[in-house]
Amino acid sequence: MRALALIALLFATAAFAQLRTIPADAKRAKVSPVQERIVELNGKREMLAPGVRIRDAANRIIVPGALPANSLVKYRRDAGGAVHEVWILTPEERAQR
């Protein structure tokens, strides 16, 4: 019974990971971590907002230090101009313009 529940949970997690919506106003960029709350966004150093949400290609939230160098992403800023939301693009999303 537990094995069946685990399999169902894995399928549900996989299905959820594929159902992500990146807002239309998110901008595309290459990003690399620099230090704690600083990233390099298209070659320019930018601050990450407190509480930044970075989602990997599987739609899991990751910490800024786990951000792979030169990741192709979409991002949004907060009202103060800091990077607030980041989505690492999947191969399918990278192919879209």
PDB file of N, CA and C in Angstrom:
ATOM      1  N   MET A   1       0.828  -1.192   0.000  1.00  0.00           N
ATOM      2  CA  MET A   1       0.000   0.000   0.000  1.00  0.00           C
ATOM      3  C   MET A   1       0.876   1.262   0.000  1.00  0.00           C
ATOM      4  N   ARG A   2       1.930   1.241   0.813  1.00  0.00           N
ATOM      5  CA  ARG A   2       2.823   2.409   0.862  1.00  0.00           C
ATOM      6  C   ARG A   2       3.527   2.626  -0.465  1.00  0.00           C
ATOM      7  N   ALA A   3       3.916   1.515  -1.095  1.00  0.00           N
ATOM      8  CA  ALA A   3       4.585   1.620  -2.391  1.00  0.00           C
ATOM      9  C   ALA A   3       3.660   2.257  -3.420  1.00  0.00           C
ATOM     10  N   LEU A   4       2.407   1.881  -3.393  1.00  0.00           N
ATOM     11  CA  LEU A   4       1.423   2.444  -4.310  1.00  0.00           C
ATOM     12  C   LEU A   4       1.236   3.940  -4.058  1.00  0.00           C
ATOM     13  N   ALA A   5       1.191   4.323  -2.799  1.00  0.00           N
ATOM     14  CA  ALA A   5       1.060   5.739  -2.445  1.00  0.00           C
ATOM     15  C   ALA A   5       2.291   6.515  -2.895  1.00  0.00           C
ATOM     16  N   LEU A   6       3.471   5.943  -2.756  1.00  0.00           N
ATOM     17  CA  LEU A   6       4.708   6.599  -3.181  1.00  0.00           C
ATOM     18  C   LEU A   6       4.729   6.786  -4.691  1.00  0.00           C
ATOM     19  N   ILE A   7       4.313   5.780  -5.423  1.00  0.00           N
ATOM     20  CA  ILE A   7       4.260   5.880  -6.885  1.00  0.00           C
ATOM     21  C   ILE A   7       3.273   6.970  -7.307  1.00  0.00           C
ATOM     22  N   ALA A   8       2.123   7.020  -6.667  1.00  0.00           N
ATOM     23  CA  ALA A   8       1.136   8.061  -6.979  1.00  0.00           C
ATOM     24  C   ALA A   8       1.692   9.438  -6.686  1.00  0.00           C
ATOM     25  N   LEU A   9       2.411   9.572  -5.591  1.00  0.00           N
ATOM     26  CA  LEU A   9       3.015  10.855  -5.236  1.00  0.00           C
ATOM     27  C   LEU A   9       4.064  11.265  -6.261  1.00  0.00           C
ATOM     28  N   LEU A  10       4.870  10.337  -6.718  1.00  0.00           N
ATOM     29  CA  LEU A  10       5.888  10.644  -7.726  1.00  0.00           C
ATOM     30  C   LEU A  10       5.250  11.104  -9.030  1.00  0.00           C
ATOM     31  N   PHE A  11       4.190  10.435  -9.451  1.00  0.00           N
ATOM     32  CA  PHE A  11       3.494  10.849 -10.669  1.00  0.00           C
ATOM     33  C   PHE A  11       2.866  12.234 -10.498  1.00  0.00           C
ATOM     34  N   ALA A  12       2.281  12.485  -9.362  1.00  0.00           N
ATOM     35  CA  ALA A  12       1.669  13.790  -9.104  1.00  0.00           C
ATOM     36  C   ALA A  12       2.727  14.883  -9.099  1.00  0.00           C
ATOM     37  N   THR A  13       3.887  14.603  -8.501  1.00  0.00           N
ATOM     38  CA  THR A  13       4.976  15.583  -8.462  1.00  0.00           C
ATOM     39  C   THR A  13       5.482  15.862  -9.863  1.00  0.00           C
ATOM     40  N   ALA A  14       5.659  14.830 -10.662  1.00  0.00           N
ATOM     41  CA  ALA A  14       6.133  15.011 -12.034  1.00  0.00           C
ATOM     42  C   ALA A  14       5.134  15.807 -12.865  1.00  0.00           C
ATOM     43  N   ALA A  15       3.858  15.533 -12.697  1.00  0.00           N
ATOM     44  CA  ALA A  15       2.829  16.271 -13.433  1.00  0.00           C
ATOM     45  C   ALA A  15       2.789  17.725 -13.002  1.00  0.00           C
ATOM     46  N   PHE A  16       2.913  17.979 -11.700  1.00  0.00           N
ATOM     47  CA  PHE A  16       2.907  19.352 -11.193  1.00  0.00           C
ATOM     48  C   PHE A  16       4.093  20.133 -11.714  1.00  0.00           C
ATOM     49  N   ALA A  17       5.256  19.492 -11.783  1.00  0.00           N
ATOM     50  CA  ALA A  17       6.466  20.174 -12.232  1.00  0.00           C
ATOM     51  C   ALA A  17       6.333  20.646 -13.672  1.00  0.00           C
ATOM     52  N   GLN A  18       5.549  19.939 -14.475  1.00  0.00           N
ATOM     53  CA  GLN A  18       5.383  20.321 -15.870  1.00  0.00           C
ATOM     54  C   GLN A  18       4.335  21.417 -16.036  1.00  0.00           C
ATOM     55  N   LEU A  19       3.517  21.663 -15.033  1.00  0.00           N
ATOM     56  CA  LEU A  19       2.475  22.669 -15.109  1.00  0.00           C
ATOM     57  C   LEU A  19       2.945  23.962 -14.466  1.00  0.00           C
ATOM     58  N   ARG A  20       3.840  24.651 -15.111  1.00  0.00           N
ATOM     59  CA  ARG A  20       4.284  25.927 -14.563  1.00  0.00           C
ATOM     60  C   ARG A  20       3.970  27.013 -15.563  1.00  0.00           C
ATOM     61  N   THR A  21       3.675  28.146 -15.049  1.00  0.00           N
ATOM     62  CA  THR A  21       3.353  29.284 -15.890  1.00  0.00           C
ATOM     63  C   THR A  21       4.359  30.385 -15.612  1.00  0.00           C
ATOM     64  N   ILE A  22       5.044  30.792 -16.650  1.00  0.00           N
ATOM     65  CA  ILE A  22       5.968  31.914 -16.536  1.00  0.00           C
ATOM     66  C   ILE A  22       5.212  33.124 -17.063  1.00  0.00           C
ATOM     67  N   PRO A  23       5.081  34.176 -16.260  1.00  0.00           N
ATOM     68  CA  PRO A  23       4.316  35.352 -16.693  1.00  0.00           C
ATOM     69  C   PRO A  23       4.846  35.941 -18.002  1.00  0.00           C
ATOM     70  N   ALA A  24       3.942  36.443 -18.797  1.00  0.00           N
ATOM     71  CA  ALA A  24       4.294  37.001 -20.106  1.00  0.00           C
ATOM     72  C   ALA A  24       5.249  38.192 -19.998  1.00  0.00           C
ATOM     73  N   ASP A  25       5.211  38.916 -18.881  1.00  0.00           N
ATOM     74  CA  ASP A  25       6.082  40.087 -18.745  1.00  0.00           C
ATOM     75  C   ASP A  25       7.489  39.745 -18.228  1.00  0.00           C
ATOM     76  N   ALA A  26       7.755  38.461 -17.989  1.00  0.00           N
ATOM     77  CA  ALA A  26       9.094  38.045 -17.545  1.00  0.00           C
ATOM     78  C   ALA A  26      10.077  38.228 -18.691  1.00  0.00           C
ATOM     79  N   LYS A  27      11.254  38.735 -18.359  1.00  0.00           N
ATOM     80  CA  LYS A  27      12.282  38.996 -19.367  1.00  0.00           C
ATOM     81  C   LYS A  27      13.271  37.847 -19.405  1.00  0.00           C
ATOM     82  N   ARG A  28      13.877  37.665 -20.547  1.00  0.00           N
ATOM     83  CA  ARG A  28      14.833  36.575 -20.771  1.00  0.00           C
ATOM     84  C   ARG A  28      16.245  37.097 -20.555  1.00  0.00           C
ATOM     85  N   ALA A  29      17.113  36.274 -19.941  1.00  0.00           N
ATOM     86  CA  ALA A  29      18.491  36.691 -19.693  1.00  0.00           C
ATOM     87  C   ALA A  29      19.359  35.489 -19.377  1.00  0.00           C
ATOM     88  N   LYS A  30      20.675  35.715 -19.392  1.00  0.00           N
ATOM     89  CA  LYS A  30      21.636  34.743 -18.867  1.00  0.00           C
ATOM     90  C   LYS A  30      22.023  35.228 -17.494  1.00  0.00           C
ATOM     91  N   VAL A  31      22.048  34.311 -16.530  1.00  0.00           N
ATOM     92  CA  VAL A  31      22.345  34.703 -15.151  1.00  0.00           C
ATOM     93  C   VAL A  31      23.380  33.756 -14.551  1.00  0.00           C
ATOM     94  N   SER A  32      24.237  34.328 -13.725  1.00  0.00           N
ATOM     95  CA  SER A  32      25.235  33.563 -12.978  1.00  0.00           C
ATOM     96  C   SER A  32      25.296  34.104 -11.561  1.00  0.00           C
ATOM     97  N   PRO A  33      25.488  33.229 -10.577  1.00  0.00           N
ATOM     98  CA  PRO A  33      25.633  33.725  -9.203  1.00  0.00           C
ATOM     99  C   PRO A  33      26.993  34.394  -9.026  1.00  0.00           C
ATOM    100  N   VAL A  34      27.046  35.430  -8.200  1.00  0.00           N
ATOM    101  CA  VAL A  34      28.304  36.099  -7.888  1.00  0.00           C
ATOM    102  C   VAL A  34      28.619  35.881  -6.415  1.00  0.00           C
ATOM    103  N   GLN A  35      27.725  36.340  -5.545  1.00  0.00           N
ATOM    104  CA  GLN A  35      27.827  36.090  -4.114  1.00  0.00           C
ATOM    105  C   GLN A  35      26.456  36.277  -3.505  1.00  0.00           C
ATOM    106  N   GLU A  36      26.286  35.872  -2.282  1.00  0.00           N
ATOM    107  CA  GLU A  36      25.012  35.841  -1.560  1.00  0.00           C
ATOM    108  C   GLU A  36      23.809  36.373  -2.317  1.00  0.00           C
ATOM    109  N   ARG A  37      23.607  37.665  -2.364  1.00  0.00           N
ATOM    110  CA  ARG A  37      22.406  38.231  -3.000  1.00  0.00           C
ATOM    111  C   ARG A  37      22.746  39.011  -4.265  1.00  0.00           C
ATOM    112  N   ILE A  38      23.855  38.688  -4.887  1.00  0.00           N
ATOM    113  CA  ILE A  38      24.257  39.375  -6.114  1.00  0.00           C
ATOM    114  C   ILE A  38      24.400  38.344  -7.229  1.00  0.00           C
ATOM    115  N   VAL A  39      23.816  38.658  -8.374  1.00  0.00           N
ATOM    116  CA  VAL A  39      23.956  37.819  -9.564  1.00  0.00           C
ATOM    117  C   VAL A  39      24.446  38.681 -10.709  1.00  0.00           C
ATOM    118  N   GLU A  40      24.955  38.027 -11.721  1.00  0.00           N
ATOM    119  CA  GLU A  40      25.314  38.721 -12.947  1.00  0.00           C
ATOM    120  C   GLU A  40      24.227  38.398 -13.958  1.00  0.00           C
ATOM    121  N   LEU A  41      23.520  39.420 -14.382  1.00  0.00           N
ATOM    122  CA  LEU A  41      22.382  39.277 -15.282  1.00  0.00           C
ATOM    123  C   LEU A  41      22.756  39.929 -16.603  1.00  0.00           C
ATOM    124  N   ASN A  42      22.954  39.123 -17.645  1.00  0.00           N
ATOM    125  CA  ASN A  42      23.411  39.624 -18.947  1.00  0.00           C
ATOM    126  C   ASN A  42      24.661  40.484 -18.803  1.00  0.00           C
ATOM    127  N   GLY A  43      25.591  40.031 -17.953  1.00  0.00           N
ATOM    128  CA  GLY A  43      26.864  40.721 -17.800  1.00  0.00           C
ATOM    129  C   GLY A  43      26.878  41.881 -16.825  1.00  0.00           C
ATOM    130  N   LYS A  44      25.738  42.190 -16.214  1.00  0.00           N
ATOM    131  CA  LYS A  44      25.638  43.316 -15.283  1.00  0.00           C
ATOM    132  C   LYS A  44      25.282  42.791 -13.895  1.00  0.00           C
ATOM    133  N   ARG A  45      25.945  43.295 -12.883  1.00  0.00           N
ATOM    134  CA  ARG A  45      25.646  42.847 -11.509  1.00  0.00           C
ATOM    135  C   ARG A  45      24.333  43.444 -11.026  1.00  0.00           C
ATOM    136  N   GLU A  46      23.506  42.572 -10.452  1.00  0.00           N
ATOM    137  CA  GLU A  46      22.177  42.955  -9.982  1.00  0.00           C
ATOM    138  C   GLU A  46      21.943  42.369  -8.601  1.00  0.00           C
ATOM    139  N   MET A  47      21.120  43.038  -7.816  1.00  0.00           N
ATOM    140  CA  MET A  47      20.745  42.550  -6.486  1.00  0.00           C
ATOM    141  C   MET A  47      19.530  41.634  -6.588  1.00  0.00           C
ATOM    142  N   LEU A  48      19.550  40.591  -5.777  1.00  0.00           N
ATOM    143  CA  LEU A  48      18.371  39.750  -5.615  1.00  0.00           C
ATOM    144  C   LEU A  48      17.528  40.333  -4.492  1.00  0.00           C
ATOM    145  N   ALA A  49      16.239  40.324  -4.665  1.00  0.00           N
ATOM    146  CA  ALA A  49      15.316  40.827  -3.651  1.00  0.00           C
ATOM    147  C   ALA A  49      15.308  39.885  -2.447  1.00  0.00           C
ATOM    148  N   PRO A  50      15.042  40.424  -1.257  1.00  0.00           N
ATOM    149  CA  PRO A  50      14.835  39.527  -0.120  1.00  0.00           C
ATOM    150  C   PRO A  50      13.646  38.614  -0.443  1.00  0.00           C
ATOM    151  N   GLY A  51      13.783  37.342  -0.192  1.00  0.00           N
ATOM    152  CA  GLY A  51      12.705  36.401  -0.490  1.00  0.00           C
ATOM    153  C   GLY A  51      12.626  36.015  -1.951  1.00  0.00           C
ATOM    154  N   VAL A  52      13.701  36.217  -2.694  1.00  0.00           N
ATOM    155  CA  VAL A  52      13.706  35.856  -4.115  1.00  0.00           C
ATOM    156  C   VAL A  52      13.290  34.395  -4.283  1.00  0.00           C
ATOM    157  N   ARG A  53      12.527  34.134  -5.339  1.00  0.00           N
ATOM    158  CA  ARG A  53      12.112  32.762  -5.661  1.00  0.00           C
ATOM    159  C   ARG A  53      12.796  32.351  -6.959  1.00  0.00           C
ATOM    160  N   ILE A  54      13.667  31.366  -6.858  1.00  0.00           N
ATOM    161  CA  ILE A  54      14.359  30.848  -8.037  1.00  0.00           C
ATOM    162  C   ILE A  54      13.859  29.431  -8.250  1.00  0.00           C
ATOM    163  N   ARG A  55      13.325  29.174  -9.431  1.00  0.00           N
ATOM    164  CA  ARG A  55      12.804  27.841  -9.755  1.00  0.00           C
ATOM    165  C   ARG A  55      13.699  27.207 -10.812  1.00  0.00           C
ATOM    166  N   ASP A  56      14.089  25.953 -10.565  1.00  0.00           N
ATOM    167  CA  ASP A  56      14.907  25.247 -11.539  1.00  0.00           C
ATOM    168  C   ASP A  56      14.029  24.748 -12.687  1.00  0.00           C
ATOM    169  N   ALA A  57      14.632  24.038 -13.628  1.00  0.00           N
ATOM    170  CA  ALA A  57      13.886  23.569 -14.804  1.00  0.00           C
ATOM    171  C   ALA A  57      12.800  22.563 -14.438  1.00  0.00           C
ATOM    172  N   ALA A  58      12.923  21.919 -13.276  1.00  0.00           N
ATOM    173  CA  ALA A  58      11.888  20.987 -12.806  1.00  0.00           C
ATOM    174  C   ALA A  58      10.867  21.697 -11.930  1.00  0.00           C
ATOM    175  N   ASN A  59      10.940  23.011 -11.864  1.00  0.00           N
ATOM    176  CA  ASN A  59      10.018  23.881 -11.122  1.00  0.00           C
ATOM    177  C   ASN A  59      10.175  23.792  -9.605  1.00  0.00           C
ATOM    178  N   ARG A  60      11.325  23.298  -9.143  1.00  0.00           N
ATOM    179  CA  ARG A  60      11.606  23.262  -7.712  1.00  0.00           C
ATOM    180  C   ARG A  60      12.273  24.566  -7.311  1.00  0.00           C
ATOM    181  N   ILE A  61      11.976  25.041  -6.116  1.00  0.00           N
ATOM    182  CA  ILE A  61      12.619  26.253  -5.625  1.00  0.00           C
ATOM    183  C   ILE A  61      14.021  25.897  -5.156  1.00  0.00           C
ATOM    184  N   ILE A  62      15.008  26.702  -5.598  1.00  0.00           N
ATOM    185  CA  ILE A  62      16.395  26.493  -5.200  1.00  0.00           C
ATOM    186  C   ILE A  62      16.931  27.761  -4.552  1.00  0.00           C
ATOM    187  N   VAL A  63      18.001  27.618  -3.788  1.00  0.00           N
ATOM    188  CA  VAL A  63      18.637  28.773  -3.156  1.00  0.00           C
ATOM    189  C   VAL A  63      19.548  29.449  -4.171  1.00  0.00           C
ATOM    190  N   PRO A  64      19.813  30.749  -4.002  1.00  0.00           N
ATOM    191  CA  PRO A  64      20.649  31.462  -4.979  1.00  0.00           C
ATOM    192  C   PRO A  64      22.013  30.818  -5.226  1.00  0.00           C
ATOM    193  N   GLY A  65      22.620  30.244  -4.201  1.00  0.00           N
ATOM    194  CA  GLY A  65      23.923  29.615  -4.374  1.00  0.00           C
ATOM    195  C   GLY A  65      23.895  28.375  -5.253  1.00  0.00           C
ATOM    196  N   ALA A  66      22.726  27.789  -5.456  1.00  0.00           N
ATOM    197  CA  ALA A  66      22.583  26.597  -6.297  1.00  0.00           C
ATOM    198  C   ALA A  66      22.306  26.946  -7.752  1.00  0.00           C
ATOM    199  N   LEU A  67      22.236  28.218  -8.061  1.00  0.00           N
ATOM    200  CA  LEU A  67      21.970  28.665  -9.426  1.00  0.00           C
ATOM    201  C   LEU A  67      23.178  28.335 -10.307  1.00  0.00           C
ATOM    202  N   PRO A  68      23.002  27.520 -11.345  1.00  0.00           N
ATOM    203  CA  PRO A  68      24.138  27.189 -12.219  1.00  0.00           C
ATOM    204  C   PRO A  68      24.609  28.420 -13.002  1.00  0.00           C
ATOM    205  N   ALA A  69      25.913  28.515 -13.203  1.00  0.00           N
ATOM    206  CA  ALA A  69      26.477  29.634 -13.969  1.00  0.00           C
ATOM    207  C   ALA A  69      25.950  29.619 -15.398  1.00  0.00           C
ATOM    208  N   ASN A  70      25.773  30.794 -15.945  1.00  0.00           N
ATOM    209  CA  ASN A  70      25.304  30.989 -17.323  1.00  0.00           C
ATOM    210  C   ASN A  70      23.979  30.293 -17.623  1.00  0.00           C
ATOM    211  N   SER A  71      23.068  30.329 -16.674  1.00  0.00           N
ATOM    212  CA  SER A  71      21.743  29.745 -16.877  1.00  0.00           C
ATOM    213  C   SER A  71      20.890  30.680 -17.723  1.00  0.00           C
ATOM    214  N   LEU A  72      20.185  30.123 -18.672  1.00  0.00           N
ATOM    215  CA  LEU A  72      19.221  30.904 -19.445  1.00  0.00           C
ATOM    216  C   LEU A  72      17.926  30.903 -18.658  1.00  0.00           C
ATOM    217  N   VAL A  73      17.442  32.089 -18.318  1.00  0.00           N
ATOM    218  CA  VAL A  73      16.294  32.222 -17.421  1.00  0.00           C
ATOM    219  C   VAL A  73      15.305  33.242 -17.953  1.00  0.00           C
ATOM    220  N   LYS A  74      14.151  33.267 -17.302  1.00  0.00           N
ATOM    221  CA  LYS A  74      13.220  34.394 -17.389  1.00  0.00           C
ATOM    222  C   LYS A  74      13.138  34.933 -15.976  1.00  0.00           C
ATOM    223  N   TYR A  75      12.990  36.240 -15.839  1.00  0.00           N
ATOM    224  CA  TYR A  75      12.984  36.847 -14.511  1.00  0.00           C
ATOM    225  C   TYR A  75      12.035  38.032 -14.463  1.00  0.00           C
ATOM    226  N   ARG A  76      11.667  38.384 -13.232  1.00  0.00           N
ATOM    227  CA  ARG A  76      10.859  39.579 -12.988  1.00  0.00           C
ATOM    228  C   ARG A  76      11.473  40.336 -11.830  1.00  0.00           C
ATOM    229  N   ARG A  77      11.235  41.622 -11.809  1.00  0.00           N
ATOM    230  CA  ARG A  77      11.744  42.488 -10.752  1.00  0.00           C
ATOM    231  C   ARG A  77      10.622  42.872  -9.793  1.00  0.00           C
ATOM    232  N   ASP A  78      11.014  43.286  -8.587  1.00  0.00           N
ATOM    233  CA  ASP A  78      10.027  43.811  -7.643  1.00  0.00           C
ATOM    234  C   ASP A  78       9.892  45.313  -7.861  1.00  0.00           C
ATOM    235  N   ALA A  79       9.081  45.969  -7.057  1.00  0.00           N
ATOM    236  CA  ALA A  79       8.834  47.414  -7.210  1.00  0.00           C
ATOM    237  C   ALA A  79      10.105  48.238  -7.025  1.00  0.00           C
ATOM    238  N   GLY A  80      11.062  47.733  -6.245  1.00  0.00           N
ATOM    239  CA  GLY A  80      12.320  48.446  -6.013  1.00  0.00           C
ATOM    240  C   GLY A  80      13.369  48.186  -7.069  1.00  0.00           C
ATOM    241  N   GLY A  81      13.072  47.327  -8.034  1.00  0.00           N
ATOM    242  CA  GLY A  81      14.004  47.048  -9.122  1.00  0.00           C
ATOM    243  C   GLY A  81      14.899  45.839  -8.906  1.00  0.00           C
ATOM    244  N   ALA A  82      14.796  45.194  -7.756  1.00  0.00           N
ATOM    245  CA  ALA A  82      15.613  44.002  -7.501  1.00  0.00           C
ATOM    246  C   ALA A  82      14.988  42.783  -8.175  1.00  0.00           C
ATOM    247  N   VAL A  83      15.818  41.826  -8.530  1.00  0.00           N
ATOM    248  CA  VAL A  83      15.344  40.586  -9.153  1.00  0.00           C
ATOM    249  C   VAL A  83      14.581  39.789  -8.099  1.00  0.00           C
ATOM    250  N   HIS A  84      13.303  39.534  -8.362  1.00  0.00           N
ATOM    251  CA  HIS A  84      12.413  38.929  -7.372  1.00  0.00           C
ATOM    252  C   HIS A  84      12.000  37.494  -7.703  1.00  0.00           C
ATOM    253  N   GLU A  85      11.837  37.186  -8.998  1.00  0.00           N
ATOM    254  CA  GLU A  85      11.432  35.851  -9.425  1.00  0.00           C
ATOM    255  C   GLU A  85      12.305  35.421 -10.600  1.00  0.00           C
ATOM    256  N   VAL A  86      12.750  34.164 -10.558  1.00  0.00           N
ATOM    257  CA  VAL A  86      13.610  33.631 -11.615  1.00  0.00           C
ATOM    258  C   VAL A  86      13.136  32.227 -11.957  1.00  0.00           C
ATOM    259  N   TRP A  87      13.061  31.923 -13.235  1.00  0.00           N
ATOM    260  CA  TRP A  87      12.728  30.588 -13.723  1.00  0.00           C
ATOM    261  C   TRP A  87      13.856  30.135 -14.639  1.00  0.00           C
ATOM    262  N   ILE A  88      14.555  29.065 -14.279  1.00  0.00           N
ATOM    263  CA  ILE A  88      15.548  28.481 -15.180  1.00  0.00           C
ATOM    264  C   ILE A  88      14.770  27.766 -16.274  1.00  0.00           C
ATOM    265  N   LEU A  89      15.098  28.058 -17.517  1.00  0.00           N
ATOM    266  CA  LEU A  89      14.310  27.533 -18.631  1.00  0.00           C
ATOM    267  C   LEU A  89      14.638  26.082 -18.962  1.00  0.00           C
ATOM    268  N   THR A  90      13.611  25.356 -19.317  1.00  0.00           N
ATOM    269  CA  THR A  90      13.767  23.986 -19.808  1.00  0.00           C
ATOM    270  C   THR A  90      14.255  24.049 -21.257  1.00  0.00           C
ATOM    271  N   PRO A  91      14.717  22.948 -21.820  1.00  0.00           N
ATOM    272  CA  PRO A  91      15.119  22.972 -23.238  1.00  0.00           C
ATOM    273  C   PRO A  91      13.975  23.436 -24.161  1.00  0.00           C
ATOM    274  N   GLU A  92      12.740  23.030 -23.853  1.00  0.00           N
ATOM    275  CA  GLU A  92      11.599  23.439 -24.668  1.00  0.00           C
ATOM    276  C   GLU A  92      11.364  24.947 -24.558  1.00  0.00           C
ATOM    277  N   GLU A  93      11.491  25.479 -23.343  1.00  0.00           N
ATOM    278  CA  GLU A  93      11.293  26.920 -23.147  1.00  0.00           C
ATOM    279  C   GLU A  93      12.423  27.721 -23.773  1.00  0.00           C
ATOM    280  N   ARG A  94      13.642  27.176 -23.773  1.00  0.00           N
ATOM    281  CA  ARG A  94      14.771  27.851 -24.415  1.00  0.00           C
ATOM    282  C   ARG A  94      14.548  27.970 -25.906  1.00  0.00           C
ATOM    283  N   ALA A  95      13.911  26.975 -26.512  1.00  0.00           N
ATOM    284  CA  ALA A  95      13.676  26.963 -27.944  1.00  0.00           C
ATOM    285  C   ALA A  95      12.650  28.010 -28.365  1.00  0.00           C
ATOM    286  N   GLN A  96      11.782  28.404 -27.454  1.00  0.00           N
ATOM    287  CA  GLN A  96      10.770  29.427 -27.754  1.00  0.00           C
ATOM    288  C   GLN A  96      11.405  30.801 -27.677  1.00  0.00           C
ATOM    289  N   ARG A  97      10.892  31.727 -28.419  1.00  0.00           N
ATOM    290  CA  ARG A  97      11.416  33.096 -28.354  1.00  0.00           C
ATOM    291  C   ARG A  97      10.407  34.019 -27.786  1.00  0.00           C
TER     292      ARG A  97
END
